[in-house]
């Protein structure tokens, strides 16, 4: 009789190889409770033109738990990305999601073990990334891709620009001015 290995066991073994001690796996009950009570929630905002956008809002957090909440939010985001990485590796190996033959799984893990191990990446040298150039390129891409019109970009509130392009207010304002200067409204 063939022995099988569950998806959960596959995840745990592959994750330990890829992430080692950095594998999060799960949050504590306290962290889940903090996230449930205080994490950002998407709320609809009706703009002046009548359209609605969903932007994350957060309520004021008591000072005594703010640091724990920030840590829980970060761990939750990293945990999700770690699970996606592990699941992608399992899927790339052609292993069934439900369960698979333990012997076959062990052979694949052994053959891939060296390539799975995390190799420390050296810190990049050189000038810091050009945030303004990235934001300008993203705005131009949204306009050329039909996601935004120049008029929509011009009318978009700064808070929404910051959220959408993940940059500080000064950067998104400067990028918008540069993009609109070269585009007809």
Protein backbone atom coordinates (compact mmCIF):
# COMPACT_ATOMS: atom_id res chain seq x y z
CA UNK A 1 0.00 0.00 0.00
CA UNK A 2 1.30 3.45 -0.98
CA UNK A 3 1.74 5.97 1.77
CA UNK A 4 0.59 9.49 1.01
CA UNK A 5 1.67 12.87 2.28
CA UNK A 6 -0.88 15.62 2.92
CA UNK A 7 -0.67 19.12 1.50
CA UNK A 8 -0.08 20.51 4.99
CA UNK A 9 2.90 18.21 5.56
CA UNK A 10 4.29 19.02 2.11
CA UNK A 11 3.98 22.73 2.88
CA UNK A 12 5.74 22.39 6.23
CA UNK A 13 8.69 20.42 4.83
CA UNK A 14 9.19 22.61 1.77
CA UNK A 15 8.77 25.78 3.82
CA UNK A 16 11.43 24.70 6.31
CA UNK A 17 13.85 24.12 3.43
CA UNK A 18 13.10 27.43 1.70
CA UNK A 19 12.67 29.72 4.71
CA UNK A 20 14.36 27.88 7.57
CA UNK A 21 13.75 29.65 10.88
CA UNK A 22 12.11 32.57 9.05
CA UNK A 23 9.03 30.40 8.27
CA UNK A 24 6.04 31.99 10.00
CA UNK A 25 3.45 29.27 9.42
CA UNK A 26 0.79 30.88 11.59
CA UNK A 27 0.02 33.71 13.94
CA UNK A 28 -0.76 33.57 17.63
CA UNK A 29 -4.32 33.89 18.88
CA UNK A 30 -3.44 37.33 20.23
CA UNK A 31 -2.19 38.45 16.81
CA UNK A 32 -5.33 37.18 15.07
CA UNK A 33 -7.47 38.98 17.64
CA UNK A 34 -5.53 42.25 17.16
CA UNK A 35 -5.94 41.99 13.39
CA UNK A 36 -9.65 41.27 13.66
CA UNK A 37 -10.21 44.26 15.93
CA UNK A 38 -7.81 46.88 14.54
CA UNK A 39 -6.48 46.10 11.05
CA UNK A 40 -7.21 48.42 8.09
CA UNK A 41 -10.52 47.82 6.32
CA UNK A 42 -11.50 48.85 2.79
CA UNK A 43 -14.23 51.48 2.85
CA UNK A 44 -16.13 52.92 -0.12
CA UNK A 45 -15.47 56.58 -0.84
CA UNK A 46 -17.83 58.41 -3.18
CA UNK A 47 -15.89 60.94 -5.25
CA UNK A 48 -17.27 64.25 -6.48
CA UNK A 49 -17.93 62.80 -9.95
CA UNK A 50 -20.20 60.13 -8.43
CA UNK A 51 -17.78 57.21 -8.86
CA UNK A 52 -16.87 55.05 -5.90
CA UNK A 53 -13.41 53.84 -4.93
CA UNK A 54 -12.48 51.51 -2.09
CA UNK A 55 -9.62 52.75 0.07
CA UNK A 56 -8.30 51.18 3.24
CA UNK A 57 -9.10 53.09 6.41
CA UNK A 58 -7.94 52.46 9.93
CA UNK A 59 -9.21 53.70 13.26
CA UNK A 60 -6.99 55.09 15.94
CA UNK A 61 -5.21 52.32 17.81
CA UNK A 62 -4.47 52.48 21.54
CA UNK A 63 -0.79 53.32 22.05
CA UNK A 64 -0.22 50.28 24.26
CA UNK A 65 -1.02 47.86 21.41
CA UNK A 66 0.13 49.81 18.32
CA UNK A 67 3.54 48.13 18.14
CA UNK A 68 2.03 44.65 18.53
CA UNK A 69 -0.55 45.45 15.84
CA UNK A 70 2.13 46.67 13.41
CA UNK A 71 4.11 43.50 13.99
CA UNK A 72 1.00 41.34 13.47
CA UNK A 73 0.12 43.13 10.21
CA UNK A 74 3.66 42.65 8.91
CA UNK A 75 3.75 39.00 9.92
CA UNK A 76 0.36 38.39 8.28
CA UNK A 77 1.55 39.90 4.99
CA UNK A 78 4.82 37.94 5.02
CA UNK A 79 3.03 34.74 6.02
CA UNK A 80 0.69 35.02 3.02
CA UNK A 81 3.61 35.57 0.66
CA UNK A 82 5.48 32.63 2.17
CA UNK A 83 2.51 30.30 1.64
CA UNK A 84 2.20 31.45 -1.99
CA UNK A 85 5.91 30.76 -2.54
CA UNK A 86 5.67 27.27 -1.06
CA UNK A 87 2.44 26.41 -2.90
CA UNK A 88 3.94 27.64 -6.19
CA UNK A 89 6.96 25.39 -5.70
CA UNK A 90 4.75 22.38 -4.95
CA UNK A 91 2.63 23.11 -8.02
CA UNK A 92 5.73 23.63 -10.22
CA UNK A 93 6.85 20.12 -9.29
CA UNK A 94 3.59 18.72 -10.67
CA UNK A 95 2.48 17.40 -7.30
CA UNK A 96 -1.26 17.00 -6.69
CA UNK A 97 -2.69 19.51 -4.23
CA UNK A 98 -4.77 17.09 -2.12
CA UNK A 99 -2.12 14.49 -1.35
CA UNK A 100 0.63 12.67 -3.17
CA UNK A 101 2.79 9.59 -2.93
CA UNK A 102 5.21 10.06 -0.03
CA UNK A 103 8.08 8.31 -1.84
CA UNK A 104 7.72 10.51 -4.93
CA UNK A 105 7.55 13.64 -2.76
CA UNK A 106 10.66 12.65 -0.79
CA UNK A 107 12.60 12.02 -4.03
CA UNK A 108 11.63 15.44 -5.41
CA UNK A 109 12.53 17.24 -2.18
CA UNK A 110 15.89 15.44 -1.95
CA UNK A 111 16.76 16.27 -5.56
CA UNK A 112 15.75 19.92 -5.14
CA UNK A 113 17.02 20.46 -1.57
CA UNK A 114 20.14 22.41 -2.48
CA UNK A 115 18.34 24.73 -4.90
CA UNK A 116 15.58 25.31 -2.31
CA UNK A 117 17.84 26.46 0.47
CA UNK A 118 17.73 30.19 0.96
CA UNK A 119 20.91 31.89 -0.20
CA UNK A 120 21.57 35.22 1.47
CA UNK A 121 21.35 38.05 -1.04
CA UNK A 122 24.04 40.68 -0.86
CA UNK A 123 22.86 44.21 -0.33
CA UNK A 124 22.51 46.10 -3.57
CA UNK A 125 25.06 48.82 -4.07
CA UNK A 126 24.58 52.06 -5.93
CA UNK A 127 22.14 54.93 -5.80
CA UNK A 128 18.74 54.48 -4.17
CA UNK A 129 15.83 53.62 -6.45
CA UNK A 130 14.25 56.50 -8.29
CA UNK A 131 10.78 56.59 -6.79
CA UNK A 132 9.59 59.53 -8.85
CA UNK A 133 10.54 57.79 -12.09
CA UNK A 134 8.71 54.63 -10.98
CA UNK A 135 5.55 56.56 -10.15
CA UNK A 136 5.65 58.49 -13.45
CA UNK A 137 6.04 55.23 -15.36
CA UNK A 138 3.14 53.66 -13.43
CA UNK A 139 0.87 56.64 -14.11
CA UNK A 140 1.74 56.62 -17.82
CA UNK A 141 1.10 52.88 -17.89
CA UNK A 142 -2.33 53.33 -16.28
CA UNK A 143 -3.25 56.00 -18.85
CA UNK A 144 -1.94 54.07 -21.85
CA UNK A 145 -3.56 50.87 -20.55
CA UNK A 146 -6.93 52.58 -20.28
CA UNK A 147 -7.18 52.18 -16.50
CA UNK A 148 -7.24 55.96 -16.06
CA UNK A 149 -7.86 58.93 -18.25
CA UNK A 150 -5.75 62.08 -17.83
CA UNK A 151 -8.87 63.77 -16.43
CA UNK A 152 -9.30 60.98 -13.83
CA UNK A 153 -5.65 61.31 -12.84
CA UNK A 154 -6.03 65.07 -12.48
CA UNK A 155 -9.17 64.70 -10.33
CA UNK A 156 -7.83 61.91 -8.11
CA UNK A 157 -7.35 62.95 -4.47
CA UNK A 158 -3.82 62.90 -3.08
CA UNK A 159 -4.71 60.25 -0.52
CA UNK A 160 -5.88 57.89 -3.26
CA UNK A 161 -2.76 58.62 -5.34
CA UNK A 162 -0.55 57.77 -2.36
CA UNK A 163 -2.36 54.47 -1.83
CA UNK A 164 -2.49 53.53 -5.52
CA UNK A 165 1.16 54.29 -6.32
CA UNK A 166 2.67 53.50 -2.90
CA UNK A 167 4.65 56.73 -2.60
CA UNK A 168 4.66 59.87 -0.50
CA UNK A 169 2.34 62.76 -1.30
CA UNK A 170 5.14 65.00 -2.67
CA UNK A 171 6.23 62.27 -5.09
CA UNK A 172 2.76 61.49 -6.44
CA UNK A 173 1.97 65.19 -6.87
CA UNK A 174 5.22 65.78 -8.77
CA UNK A 175 4.63 62.68 -10.90
CA UNK A 176 1.07 63.75 -11.71
CA UNK A 177 2.29 67.23 -12.75
CA UNK A 178 4.95 65.66 -15.00
CA UNK A 179 2.54 63.20 -16.61
CA UNK A 180 -0.22 65.76 -17.15
CA UNK A 181 2.23 68.32 -18.59
CA UNK A 182 2.97 65.87 -21.42
CA UNK A 183 -0.64 64.68 -21.83
CA UNK A 184 -3.68 66.53 -23.07
CA UNK A 185 -6.47 66.70 -20.53
